[in-house]
Structure formats: C-alpha cells, structure tokens
Protein backbone atom coordinates (compact mmCIF):
# COMPACT_ATOMS: atom_id res chain seq x y z
CA MET A 1 0.00 0.00 0.00
CA GLU A 2 1.47 3.33 -1.08
CA PHE A 3 1.36 6.34 1.22
CA VAL A 4 1.71 10.01 0.35
CA THR A 5 2.61 13.38 1.81
CA ALA A 6 0.13 16.25 1.97
CA GLU A 7 1.68 17.90 -1.09
CA GLN A 8 1.58 14.65 -3.06
CA MET A 9 -2.09 14.27 -2.14
CA ARG A 10 -2.77 17.78 -3.44
CA GLU A 11 -1.11 16.81 -6.73
CA VAL A 12 -3.28 13.69 -6.94
CA ASP A 13 -6.39 15.80 -6.28
CA ARG A 14 -5.42 18.25 -9.02
CA TYR A 15 -4.74 15.46 -11.48
CA THR A 16 -8.08 13.77 -10.73
CA ILE A 17 -10.06 16.99 -11.08
CA GLU A 18 -8.22 18.64 -13.98
CA GLN A 19 -6.94 15.70 -16.04
CA ILE A 20 -9.46 12.95 -15.39
CA GLY A 21 -12.35 15.36 -15.03
CA ILE A 22 -14.03 14.20 -11.82
CA PRO A 23 -15.48 17.34 -10.20
CA ALA A 24 -14.22 18.23 -6.73
CA VAL A 25 -17.75 18.27 -5.37
CA VAL A 26 -18.15 14.62 -6.47
CA LEU A 27 -14.97 13.65 -4.62
CA MET A 28 -16.27 15.45 -1.52
CA GLU A 29 -19.58 13.62 -1.78
CA ASN A 30 -17.78 10.29 -2.02
CA ALA A 31 -15.51 11.17 0.88
CA GLY A 32 -18.32 12.20 3.19
CA ARG A 33 -20.32 9.08 2.34
CA ALA A 34 -17.29 6.88 3.09
CA ILE A 35 -16.80 8.53 6.48
CA ALA A 36 -20.49 8.07 7.33
CA GLU A 37 -20.33 4.40 6.35
CA GLU A 38 -17.39 3.83 8.67
CA VAL A 39 -19.19 5.60 11.50
CA VAL A 40 -22.14 3.26 10.97
CA HIS A 41 -19.81 0.25 10.89
CA TRP A 42 -18.22 1.36 14.15
CA ILE A 43 -21.60 1.80 15.84
CA LEU A 44 -22.78 -1.63 14.74
CA ARG A 45 -19.52 -3.26 15.89
CA GLN A 46 -20.29 -1.92 19.37
CA LYS A 47 -23.58 -3.87 19.27
CA LYS A 48 -25.57 -0.64 19.25
CA THR A 49 -28.57 0.44 17.19
CA LEU A 50 -28.41 3.47 14.91
CA SER A 51 -31.68 4.87 16.23
CA GLY A 52 -30.19 5.31 19.69
CA GLU A 53 -27.20 7.31 18.49
CA HIS A 54 -26.63 11.08 18.51
CA TRP A 55 -23.39 12.17 16.85
CA LEU A 56 -21.80 15.61 16.91
CA VAL A 57 -19.96 16.56 13.68
CA LEU A 58 -17.18 19.12 14.20
CA VAL A 59 -17.05 21.25 11.05
CA GLY A 60 -13.97 23.27 10.08
CA LYS A 61 -14.00 26.00 7.47
CA GLY A 62 -12.08 24.11 4.75
CA ASN A 63 -12.66 21.06 2.59
CA ASN A 64 -12.31 18.79 5.60
CA GLY A 65 -15.35 20.56 7.02
CA GLY A 66 -17.17 19.98 3.73
CA ASP A 67 -16.47 16.24 4.06
CA GLY A 68 -18.00 16.43 7.53
CA LEU A 69 -21.16 18.09 6.20
CA VAL A 70 -21.65 15.31 3.66
CA CYS A 71 -21.00 12.74 6.39
CA ALA A 72 -23.68 14.36 8.58
CA ARG A 73 -26.21 14.20 5.78
CA HIS A 74 -25.60 10.51 5.14
CA LEU A 75 -25.70 9.69 8.85
CA ALA A 76 -29.05 11.42 9.10
CA ASP A 77 -30.27 9.39 6.11
CA ARG A 78 -29.35 6.23 8.03
CA GLY A 79 -31.40 7.27 11.05
CA VAL A 80 -28.60 8.63 13.23
CA LEU A 81 -29.46 11.85 15.07
CA VAL A 82 -26.86 14.44 14.04
CA THR A 83 -25.90 17.89 15.29
CA LEU A 84 -23.39 20.11 13.48
CA LEU A 85 -20.87 22.14 15.46
CA TYR A 86 -19.21 24.86 13.37
CA VAL A 87 -16.01 26.66 14.35
CA THR A 88 -17.05 29.65 12.25
CA ALA A 89 -20.27 31.09 10.87
CA PRO A 90 -21.69 28.64 8.29
CA ASP A 91 -22.07 31.35 5.64
CA ARG A 92 -18.27 31.77 5.64
CA LEU A 93 -17.77 28.36 4.04
CA ASN A 94 -17.00 28.62 0.33
CA GLY A 95 -16.06 26.46 -2.65
CA GLU A 96 -17.23 22.85 -2.49
CA ALA A 97 -17.73 23.15 1.27
CA GLY A 98 -20.06 26.09 0.59
CA VAL A 99 -22.06 23.95 -1.82
CA GLN A 100 -22.48 21.29 0.86
CA GLN A 101 -23.43 23.93 3.41
CA ARG A 102 -26.28 25.18 1.23
CA ILE A 103 -27.59 21.61 0.96
CA ILE A 104 -27.39 21.24 4.74
CA GLU A 105 -29.29 24.52 5.17
CA ALA A 106 -32.13 23.14 3.05
CA LEU A 107 -32.28 20.02 5.23
CA ASP A 108 -32.39 22.09 8.43
CA LEU A 109 -30.16 19.82 10.52
CA PRO A 110 -29.53 21.01 14.11
CA ARG A 111 -26.45 23.20 14.43
CA ILE A 112 -24.30 25.11 16.90
CA VAL A 113 -21.68 27.76 16.14
CA TYR A 114 -18.93 27.20 18.67
CA SER A 115 -18.06 30.06 21.03
CA ASP A 116 -17.35 30.73 24.68
CA GLU A 117 -20.93 31.81 25.19
CA ALA A 118 -23.32 29.33 26.80
CA GLU A 119 -25.34 28.82 23.62
CA GLY A 120 -22.16 28.08 21.65
CA THR A 121 -20.82 25.40 23.97
CA PRO A 122 -22.10 21.87 23.39
CA ASP A 123 -23.38 19.69 26.20
CA TRP A 124 -21.07 16.78 25.49
CA ARG A 125 -23.21 14.47 27.63
CA SER A 126 -25.96 14.71 25.00
CA TYR A 127 -23.97 12.85 22.35
CA THR A 128 -22.80 9.31 21.80
CA GLY A 129 -19.97 10.02 19.36
CA ILE A 130 -18.02 12.67 17.46
CA VAL A 131 -16.90 13.10 13.85
CA ASP A 132 -13.74 15.20 13.61
CA ALA A 133 -13.86 17.21 10.36
CA LEU A 134 -11.95 20.25 11.60
CA LEU A 135 -8.48 20.31 10.04
CA GLY A 136 -7.23 18.43 7.00
CA THR A 137 -3.84 17.56 5.52
CA GLY A 138 -3.15 21.13 4.45
CA THR A 139 -2.88 22.43 8.01
CA GLN A 140 0.56 23.01 9.51
CA GLY A 141 1.56 23.63 13.10
CA ALA A 142 -0.41 23.33 16.30
CA PRO A 143 -4.13 24.14 16.31
CA ARG A 144 -4.90 27.58 17.71
CA GLY A 145 -7.84 29.54 19.03
CA VAL A 146 -11.26 27.94 18.80
CA TYR A 147 -9.77 24.89 17.05
CA ALA A 148 -7.50 24.19 19.99
CA SER A 149 -10.29 24.69 22.51
CA LEU A 150 -12.68 22.45 20.62
CA ILE A 151 -10.14 19.65 20.17
CA ALA A 152 -9.29 19.71 23.87
CA GLU A 153 -12.97 19.57 24.84
CA ALA A 154 -13.69 16.74 22.39
CA ASN A 155 -10.88 14.64 23.84
CA ALA A 156 -11.96 15.41 27.40
CA SER A 157 -15.53 14.31 26.64
CA GLY A 158 -14.50 10.66 26.54
CA LEU A 159 -16.73 10.11 23.51
CA PRO A 160 -15.54 7.93 20.61
CA ILE A 161 -14.15 10.04 17.78
CA VAL A 162 -14.03 9.15 14.08
CA ALA A 163 -11.56 11.40 12.23
CA ALA A 164 -11.99 12.47 8.61
CA ASP A 165 -8.75 11.74 6.69
CA ILE A 166 -6.39 12.57 9.59
CA PRO A 167 -6.99 13.55 13.23
CA SER A 168 -6.98 17.33 13.62
CA GLY A 169 -3.66 18.39 15.11
CA LEU A 170 -1.63 15.58 13.55
CA ASP A 171 1.15 16.37 11.05
CA ALA A 172 0.16 14.55 7.85
CA ASP A 173 3.79 14.11 6.74
CA THR A 174 5.73 13.20 9.88
CA GLY A 175 3.21 11.77 12.33
CA ALA A 176 4.09 14.42 14.91
CA VAL A 177 1.25 15.08 17.32
CA HIS A 178 0.69 18.71 18.18
CA ASP A 179 -0.86 19.99 21.38
CA PRO A 180 -3.77 19.50 21.24
CA CYS A 181 -4.51 16.67 18.79
CA ILE A 182 -7.66 14.63 18.32
CA GLU A 183 -7.43 11.15 19.87
CA ALA A 184 -9.46 9.07 17.44
CA LYS A 185 -10.87 5.59 17.71
CA VAL A 186 -11.03 5.37 13.92
CA THR A 187 -9.49 7.45 11.14
CA VAL A 188 -11.08 7.19 7.71
CA CYS A 189 -8.17 7.97 5.40
CA LEU A 190 -9.35 9.15 2.00
CA ALA A 191 -7.91 7.74 -1.25
CA PHE A 192 -4.35 7.13 0.00
CA MET A 193 -2.71 6.46 3.34
CA LYS A 194 -1.00 9.61 4.62
CA ALA A 195 2.65 9.34 5.64
CA GLY A 196 2.00 10.71 9.13
CA LEU A 197 -0.38 7.84 9.89
CA THR A 198 2.36 5.26 9.33
CA GLN A 199 4.52 6.51 12.21
CA TYR A 200 4.12 6.93 15.96
CA PRO A 201 2.88 8.91 17.79
CA GLY A 202 0.55 9.74 14.88
CA ALA A 203 -0.45 6.10 14.43
CA LYS A 204 -1.60 5.97 18.05
CA ALA A 205 -3.62 9.19 17.78
CA ALA A 206 -5.31 7.86 14.64
CA GLY A 207 -6.56 4.63 16.20
CA GLU A 208 -7.76 2.12 13.63
CA VAL A 209 -6.93 3.48 10.16
CA ILE A 210 -9.23 2.56 7.28
CA VAL A 211 -8.34 3.70 3.74
CA ARG A 212 -11.42 4.30 1.59
CA TYR A 213 -11.70 4.66 -2.17
CA ILE A 214 -13.46 7.91 -3.16
CA GLY A 215 -13.14 7.91 -6.96
CA ILE A 216 -9.47 8.87 -7.16
CA PRO A 217 -7.56 6.14 -9.07
CA PRO A 218 -5.85 3.73 -6.67
CA ARG A 219 -2.50 4.10 -8.44
CA LEU A 220 -0.53 7.32 -8.45
CA PRO A 221 -0.38 9.23 -11.75
CA ALA A 222 2.60 8.58 -14.00
CA GLY A 223 5.54 10.71 -12.97
CA LEU A 224 4.38 11.23 -9.39
CA GLU A 225 6.29 9.32 -6.73
CA GLY A 226 4.65 8.56 -3.40
CA ALA A 227 6.29 8.95 -0.01
CA GLY A 228 6.72 5.20 0.42
CA VAL A 229 5.09 1.79 0.68
CA MET A 230 3.64 -0.03 3.67
CA LEU A 231 5.22 -3.48 3.95
CA THR A 232 2.53 -6.11 3.79
CA GLU A 233 2.76 -9.60 2.31
CA GLU A 234 1.14 -8.29 -0.86
CA SER A 235 3.34 -5.22 -1.24
CA LEU A 236 6.50 -7.18 -0.44
CA GLN A 237 5.72 -9.56 -3.27
CA SER A 238 4.64 -6.92 -5.78
CA GLU A 239 7.29 -4.30 -5.00
CA LEU A 240 10.34 -6.38 -4.07
CA GLY A 241 9.59 -9.97 -5.05
CA PRO A 242 11.38 -12.11 -2.43
CA ASP A 243 10.26 -15.70 -1.95
CA LEU A 244 7.99 -15.22 1.04
CA GLY A 245 7.78 -18.97 1.60
CA ARG A 246 11.59 -19.27 1.77
CA ARG A 247 11.36 -22.54 -0.15
CA ARG A 248 14.28 -24.93 -0.66
CA GLU A 249 15.34 -26.37 -3.99
CA PRO A 250 15.07 -30.19 -4.20
CA ASP A 251 18.76 -30.45 -5.12
CA GLY A 252 19.92 -27.62 -2.87
CA HIS A 253 22.72 -28.01 -0.31
CA LYS A 254 24.22 -25.89 2.46
CA GLY A 255 26.36 -23.98 -0.01
CA THR A 256 23.28 -23.03 -2.01
CA TYR A 257 22.00 -20.77 0.75
CA GLY A 258 25.09 -18.80 1.59
CA HIS A 259 27.57 -18.42 4.42
CA VAL A 260 27.28 -15.61 6.99
CA LEU A 261 30.26 -14.30 8.95
CA LEU A 262 29.49 -12.42 12.16
CA ALA A 263 32.00 -10.27 14.01
CA ALA A 264 30.30 -9.84 17.33
CA GLY A 265 30.39 -10.32 21.06
CA SER A 266 32.81 -9.40 23.83
CA LEU A 267 33.35 -10.65 27.35
CA PRO A 268 30.39 -8.85 28.99
CA MET A 269 28.12 -9.11 25.92
CA SER A 270 28.72 -12.53 24.42
CA GLY A 271 24.97 -13.21 24.18
CA ALA A 272 24.53 -10.58 21.48
CA GLY A 273 26.77 -12.46 19.09
CA LEU A 274 25.12 -15.77 19.93
CA LEU A 275 21.65 -14.36 19.25
CA ALA A 276 22.67 -12.85 15.91
CA ALA A 277 24.37 -16.05 14.78
CA LYS A 278 21.51 -18.31 15.78
CA ALA A 279 19.01 -15.96 14.10
CA ALA A 280 21.02 -16.12 10.87
CA LEU A 281 20.78 -19.90 10.88
CA ARG A 282 17.06 -19.89 11.65
CA ALA A 283 16.51 -17.35 8.86
CA GLY A 284 17.82 -19.83 6.34
CA CYS A 285 21.48 -19.30 5.57
CA GLY A 286 23.28 -22.57 4.84
CA LEU A 287 26.24 -21.86 7.11
CA ALA A 288 27.18 -19.34 9.77
CA THR A 289 30.56 -18.59 11.31
CA TRP A 290 30.83 -16.50 14.46
CA ALA A 291 34.16 -14.71 14.73
CA LEU A 292 34.62 -13.94 18.42
CA PRO A 293 37.39 -12.93 20.81
CA ALA A 294 39.45 -16.04 21.57
CA SER A 295 38.85 -15.79 25.31
CA LEU A 296 35.13 -16.35 24.73
CA LEU A 297 35.54 -19.53 22.73
CA PRO A 298 35.61 -22.04 25.65
CA HIS A 299 32.38 -20.57 27.01
CA MET A 300 30.54 -20.77 23.68
CA LEU A 301 31.49 -24.29 22.62
CA GLY A 302 28.35 -26.30 21.92
CA ALA A 303 25.96 -23.41 22.68
CA VAL A 304 24.63 -23.76 19.13
CA PRO A 305 26.01 -26.99 17.68
CA GLU A 306 25.19 -25.95 14.10
CA LEU A 307 27.32 -22.80 14.41
CA MET A 308 31.00 -22.61 13.48
CA LEU A 309 33.26 -20.61 15.79
CA ALA A 310 36.36 -18.70 14.64
CA PRO A 311 38.49 -17.37 17.51
CA VAL A 312 40.22 -14.04 16.91
CA ALA A 313 43.32 -13.21 18.94
CA ASP A 314 42.37 -10.87 21.80
CA GLY A 315 45.43 -10.81 24.04
CA GLY A 316 43.38 -12.41 26.79
CA THR A 317 41.07 -9.39 27.12
CA GLY A 318 37.87 -10.90 25.73
CA GLY A 319 37.62 -7.88 23.40
CA TRP A 320 38.56 -6.68 19.94
CA GLY A 321 41.48 -4.30 20.51
CA THR A 322 44.25 -6.23 18.74
CA ALA A 323 45.91 -5.00 15.56
CA ALA A 324 45.50 -8.37 13.83
CA ALA A 325 41.70 -8.58 14.28
CA ALA A 326 40.76 -6.79 11.04
CA ASP A 327 43.17 -8.87 8.95
CA GLU A 328 41.78 -12.07 10.43
CA LEU A 329 38.17 -11.03 9.75
CA LEU A 330 38.97 -10.12 6.13
CA ARG A 331 40.76 -13.45 5.68
CA LEU A 332 37.69 -15.28 6.97
CA LEU A 333 35.36 -13.19 4.81
CA ALA A 334 37.17 -14.19 1.62
CA ALA A 335 35.46 -17.60 1.84
CA ARG A 336 32.09 -16.29 3.00
CA ASP A 337 29.24 -14.29 1.47
CA VAL A 338 28.35 -11.51 3.91
CA LEU A 339 29.75 -9.87 7.02
CA ALA A 340 27.63 -8.61 9.93
CA VAL A 341 29.47 -6.55 12.52
CA GLY A 342 28.46 -4.87 15.75
CA PRO A 343 26.25 -6.85 18.17
CA GLY A 344 27.99 -6.90 21.56
CA LEU A 345 31.23 -5.66 19.98
CA GLY A 346 31.93 -3.17 22.78
CA ARG A 347 34.14 -0.08 22.61
CA PHE A 348 37.91 -0.44 22.64
CA PRO A 349 41.20 1.24 21.69
CA GLY A 350 41.72 1.13 17.93
CA GLU A 351 38.03 0.65 17.26
CA ALA A 352 37.87 3.16 14.40
CA ALA A 353 40.85 1.57 12.62
CA LEU A 354 39.24 -1.87 12.87
CA LEU A 355 35.90 -0.72 11.50
CA ARG A 356 37.46 1.36 8.73
CA ALA A 357 39.55 -1.61 7.63
CA LEU A 358 36.41 -3.71 7.37
CA TRP A 359 34.45 -0.92 5.69
CA GLU A 360 37.10 -0.39 3.03
CA GLY A 361 38.44 -3.94 2.73
CA ALA A 362 35.26 -6.04 2.72
CA ALA A 363 34.30 -6.81 -0.87
CA ARG A 364 31.16 -8.56 0.37
CA PRO A 365 27.84 -7.13 1.59
CA LEU A 366 28.11 -5.59 5.04
CA VAL A 367 25.54 -5.23 7.84
CA VAL A 368 26.49 -2.68 10.50
CA ASP A 369 24.67 -2.64 13.84
CA ALA A 370 24.92 -1.72 17.52
CA ASP A 371 28.42 -0.76 18.75
CA ALA A 372 29.74 -0.67 15.18
CA LEU A 373 27.29 2.14 14.49
CA ASN A 374 28.47 4.04 17.56
CA ILE A 375 32.08 3.58 16.46
CA LEU A 376 31.15 4.89 13.03
CA ALA A 377 29.42 7.92 14.52
CA ALA A 378 32.37 8.69 16.80
CA ALA A 379 34.81 8.47 13.87
CA ASP A 380 33.43 11.63 12.18
CA GLY A 381 30.46 9.73 10.74
CA LEU A 382 29.82 8.57 7.20
CA ALA A 383 30.64 11.92 5.65
CA ALA A 384 34.34 11.16 6.23
CA TRP A 385 34.15 7.59 4.91
CA LYS A 386 34.14 6.67 1.23
CA ARG A 387 31.14 4.96 -0.32
CA ARG A 388 31.39 1.21 -0.50
CA ASP A 389 30.88 -0.62 -3.78
CA ALA A 390 29.27 -3.66 -2.13
CA ALA A 391 25.86 -3.54 -0.47
CA THR A 392 25.86 -1.83 2.91
CA ILE A 393 22.99 -1.97 5.42
CA LEU A 394 22.92 0.09 8.61
CA THR A 395 20.38 -0.85 11.31
CA PRO A 396 20.29 1.91 13.96
CA HIS A 397 17.72 2.38 16.68
CA PRO A 398 16.70 6.04 17.24
CA GLY A 399 19.53 6.74 19.70
CA GLU A 400 22.16 5.35 17.34
CA MET A 401 20.57 7.23 14.45
CA ALA A 402 20.81 10.44 16.45
CA ARG A 403 24.54 9.92 16.92
CA LEU A 404 25.05 9.11 13.24
CA ALA A 405 23.11 12.17 12.07
CA GLY A 406 24.32 14.60 14.73
CA LEU A 407 20.79 15.13 16.08
CA THR A 408 18.89 14.49 19.26
CA THR A 409 16.74 11.40 19.56
CA ALA A 410 13.66 13.63 19.68
CA GLU A 411 14.68 15.21 16.37
CA VAL A 412 15.09 11.77 14.81
CA GLN A 413 11.65 10.70 15.96
CA ARG A 414 10.08 13.94 14.71
CA ASP A 415 10.51 12.95 11.04
CA ARG A 416 11.66 9.35 10.78
CA ILE A 417 10.71 8.87 7.14
CA GLY A 418 12.25 12.10 5.88
CA LEU A 419 15.46 11.63 7.85
CA ALA A 420 15.88 7.99 6.80
CA ARG A 421 15.43 8.87 3.12
CA ARG A 422 17.87 11.79 3.25
CA PHE A 423 20.52 9.80 5.13
CA ALA A 424 20.34 6.76 2.83
CA THR A 425 20.55 8.78 -0.39
CA GLU A 426 23.27 11.10 0.90
CA HIS A 427 25.55 8.29 2.10
CA GLY A 428 24.75 5.55 -0.41
CA VAL A 429 23.55 2.98 2.12
CA THR A 430 20.40 1.04 2.86
CA LEU A 431 19.08 2.15 6.22
CA VAL A 432 16.79 0.35 8.66
CA LEU A 433 15.63 2.89 11.25
CA LYS A 434 14.32 0.57 13.93
CA GLY A 435 11.39 1.02 16.30
CA ALA A 436 7.65 0.66 16.10
CA ARG A 437 6.93 0.94 12.36
CA SER A 438 10.57 0.54 11.30
CA VAL A 439 11.56 2.59 8.24
CA ILE A 440 13.62 1.00 5.47
CA ALA A 441 15.23 3.54 3.14
CA ALA A 442 17.12 2.67 -0.05
CA LEU A 443 19.97 4.67 -1.54
CA ASP A 444 17.75 5.54 -4.54
CA GLY A 445 15.16 7.23 -2.29
CA ARG A 446 12.62 4.43 -2.01
CA VAL A 447 11.08 4.05 1.45
CA TYR A 448 9.21 1.15 3.06
CA VAL A 449 7.48 1.11 6.44
CA ASN A 450 7.11 -2.20 8.23
CA VAL A 451 3.78 -2.93 9.92
CA THR A 452 4.60 -6.26 11.59
CA GLY A 453 5.77 -6.40 15.18
CA HIS A 454 4.60 -6.43 18.78
CA PRO A 455 5.29 -4.24 21.85
CA GLY A 456 6.76 -7.29 23.58
CA MET A 457 9.71 -7.03 21.20
CA ALA A 458 11.00 -4.07 23.22
CA THR A 459 13.59 -6.23 24.95
CA GLY A 460 17.35 -6.63 24.93
CA GLY A 461 18.69 -8.67 22.03
CA SER A 462 15.83 -7.99 19.65
CA GLY A 463 18.08 -5.88 17.41
CA ASP A 464 20.77 -8.57 17.40
CA VAL A 465 18.19 -11.03 16.08
CA LEU A 466 17.31 -8.61 13.28
CA THR A 467 20.97 -8.29 12.31
CA GLY A 468 21.26 -12.04 11.94
CA ILE A 469 18.08 -12.28 9.88
CA ILE A 470 19.12 -9.53 7.45
CA ALA A 471 22.59 -11.05 7.05
CA ALA A 472 20.99 -14.41 6.24
CA MET A 473 18.79 -12.80 3.59
CA LEU A 474 21.86 -11.27 1.94
CA ALA A 475 23.68 -14.59 2.04
CA GLN A 476 20.77 -16.23 0.23
CA GLY A 477 21.11 -13.84 -2.69
CA LEU A 478 18.68 -11.01 -1.92
CA ASN A 479 19.82 -7.50 -2.72
CA ALA A 480 20.23 -4.94 0.05
CA VAL A 481 16.72 -3.48 -0.12
CA GLN A 482 15.08 -6.90 -0.38
CA ALA A 483 17.12 -8.22 2.54
CA ALA A 484 16.46 -5.20 4.74
CA ALA A 485 12.73 -5.05 4.00
CA PHE A 486 12.00 -8.79 4.06
CA GLY A 487 14.26 -9.30 7.07
CA THR A 488 12.51 -6.56 9.03
CA TYR A 489 9.10 -7.94 8.04
CA LEU A 490 10.06 -11.48 9.16
CA HIS A 491 11.51 -10.14 12.40
CA GLY A 492 8.25 -8.40 13.25
CA LEU A 493 6.19 -11.41 12.24
CA ALA A 494 8.29 -13.66 14.46
CA GLY A 495 7.74 -11.23 17.33
CA GLU A 496 3.99 -11.36 16.80
CA GLN A 497 3.97 -15.15 16.77
CA ALA A 498 6.24 -15.42 19.81
CA ALA A 499 4.03 -12.98 21.71
CA ALA A 500 0.92 -14.96 20.79
CA VAL A 501 2.40 -17.99 22.52
CA ARG A 502 2.79 -15.85 25.63
CA SER A 503 -0.56 -14.12 25.36
CA GLY A 504 -0.97 -14.22 29.12
CA ASN A 505 1.99 -11.88 29.55
CA PRO A 506 3.73 -10.72 26.37
CA ALA A 507 6.04 -8.56 28.52
CA SER A 508 7.90 -11.81 29.27
CA LEU A 509 8.95 -12.12 25.62
CA LEU A 510 12.68 -12.75 25.11
CA ALA A 511 14.77 -12.22 21.98
CA GLY A 512 15.40 -15.96 21.83
CA ASP A 513 11.66 -16.56 21.58
CA MET A 514 11.64 -14.62 18.30
CA ILE A 515 14.35 -16.87 16.87
CA GLU A 516 12.31 -19.96 17.64
CA ALA A 517 9.29 -18.36 15.93
CA LEU A 518 11.11 -17.74 12.63
C-alpha cells in the first residue's frame, strides 16, 4: 500500500479533477459518504442500534469541514441523530464546502456555532460520538484559538471520535502530534494512506486506520512518486519480489544458501553475538561462522552446535582491541558471502581503525549494527568515509541514528521517514531505522514502512536477532533493499507469533523466543 505526503495528495487531487475530469464536489460527496459508512460500521460493531445514536460533527472552514457536512447528511439518512458544530459562521464556508453547506441549510439539521458563550458550547453528555472534520492535511503547526479549545474539549468528553482523513492536530507528513490533537478511535483515510499515519505517535492518535476509495484512481499518476510503501505480504511480493515462503530447492545443499560471517560479542556481551548467529541460521542461511574474541571460545562451545566458531586473537582481554583482528576477519570473509558486525562488539582502543579496515576492505555485503554504528558515529560519521561498492545496510535504533546524524533522539523521531530517506541517499547505504513501524530507506530514495511487530519485542537482544536475519537474507542472494525489507518484516512477524504464545503476559517475551518463531 502506497502512502503520500500532503503535497503529493494535493497533486493527486489536481490530477483527478483537472486531467481525469471528476469534479471536486463529487470527490467530496464520495468522501463524506465513506466517512459516514465507517461511523455506521463502528456503531454496529459496538452492538448498538443506529436509532439510539446522537453524533456531533465538528465542522472546520475548509474542505475537511465539507467532508463532515456530507457525512452528517448521510448519517441522518441512516437514522442517526446528528448535530453540526461549526467553528465559524456557516455562511463563511465557500467552494465545495459552501455547496455542501447550502444543501445542509435546506435540510435544516440542528447546528451550533462554537463560542465561549453558553449557547455556543455543546453539552457533550448529550452525544454518543463525534466526527472530527476540523483540520485536513493542508494544516501546519499546532491548532490555535477555537480549534485548539474544541479539540481539547472533544478529547476530554471521553466520547468515541471518528476522524476524517487525519486527526486534527496531527502532522500529515511526519506523524508528529501537536498539542492538542484529536485522539481518534477510527481514522477514515481518504484515497491514500498519509505518511503521518504510518509513524508513531501519529499512528496511536489515529486509532484504527481505514483507507477508503473515493473515486481517485488507486495508483498514483505517471511521474508522481509517493512517499513510500507499507510493507505487507502483498506489497513485499509486488514491490520487491522475495520468496515469502523461503522454499528450498530439491537439489539444494548448504552452499546453495550462503555463508554468513558475524564479528560480534565481547566478554560482557557474548549473548549478542550468539543471538545474531543463531538468528542467521534460523533465517535460512546454509552456514554461519561466528568470529569472536578467543577468550570467549571455551564458554561458547556447543551453545549452538550448528554454528562454526572462529576465535580471533584478543590478548586475553575478551575484546577486539588487537591490531590483527581486522586482517583475520577479512581473511575469513574471503570464503564467505556476507559480514555482519556490531552486536555486543563493545568499545575499545583502535576501534575506528578496525571498522574502517572492514568498511574499506570487505568486498562482500556488510551489515552494520549496535556498537559498530556508535564507532562509526564517533569516527566523524559517514561523511568522512568513502562509499562502498558492495551492499551496505545500517540498522540503527533512534539513539544510534541520532549519533550518526548529529541530532537528538527527539529530532530523529520527529521525522523518521524524511530523515531515513535523506541519510540513505546522501551516504549511499540502505538504512533500517528501527522502532515501532521501522523505516527501510534505499539509496535511490525508495522508502518502506514495516507494519509487523509487537510491543513485547521491546527487549534486549531484539536488534541482534534482526541483524542475523538480514545477514541471512543477503547470504541467500537477496539484494540490500530486499534483505532489509523482508528481514525486518520477518523479524516483526516472528515477534507477533512469539508474543501470541505468551498471550498471558507478552512482557515476558525474550529475543530468543523470536528466533524460535522464525
């Protein structure tokens, strides 16, 4: 499913009206009807009858308000009692919204013009639900004045809210939630998913998001790129084409499915390397070798019998600070298909020299995670490092991304999609910005947002598992974008399935449970 920015949606609207020839008032009629239908569906899902309902429709002065007027009319046609609450005098509505207002006037539906006066303040206890048709995708910044007051009162009422297109107060491009912002039970997104609804906290404010067709063609016009694609089983197959079933060839053997090399683990964090290596095997690579500090080897023998161990001289420290470590890793990589570096690596003297040697000397695909990302950020960042010819995937969480980009974590979270796209294209890497609704950005500007996952995955080691999965996808012949997107999708799906097993208390989910669910 493609999603768009506010500006892209305006271009689609213009194309539909001017090139295809569907009048704007027809699109508004379709939009309002779709919103009303979803309100009815929500009421019926609550085991209620339409005749017992009284809904308040909050009407802004723009096209979003016009959608609300059409919605009110169709709700009334279905037997729902409706009252309109305007933020401005009804005769100030113009354009298509003005057309809908004149129809409403002829029908004589109950109305209130919002104000601080007693007659302009609704008695919220009189209603059973609210339709938010105040502010649309064209609004920027925090709601002010009567809009802010009305949004705050609507939220405080405790009534269920169905939002038209996006919740008022939500940034349609970034998912940022302004103060105040409508807290919807359902958002009826019109024509295309909006980028801000794919990311938190916007996704939380939107509640259940339902995309409805309103007459605008379901594919973007030629020459217009969307903001990205939501990763579902269907879109993965149509956009990227990996084998979702991960089938095996009848005459295949372990060499058919690639060999992963992992440089990971240190004395206090040996589990990170073990998780990444085991995940790589579960994700389908034919062979996996874990290169680890030599002092760890006796403790890891037999932990995963299927895993090969390659001790790297560590001077008895259990870490990676020896001058020969990079040469040994590159020697091992010559007979393997992909290198993943970072989980549990730690920080150590000579860390930048080690990572730079791998960055510049590895002729194979490279996955960089965890401490390797922090080393990269501390060593002047990617701007000071040459672009690699082989595929390169970085998998930062928001804190690591902040260090790489020279931002605060809050700034990263403010525009995850935009930042991920800019960083990937600027530095020639494939980026997986982790978190709820992980963002996968390709070096050519394509963006994918993953929708699989579970809150129980917020546990130590989850990122190490993802590193192993992505490395295994690369080893099996997927390109960087396929491996990052499909790997992230599988990781989230495994988290969902592992959490389902522990439905009594998903907070007890461990990273190892996700490996077993692959």
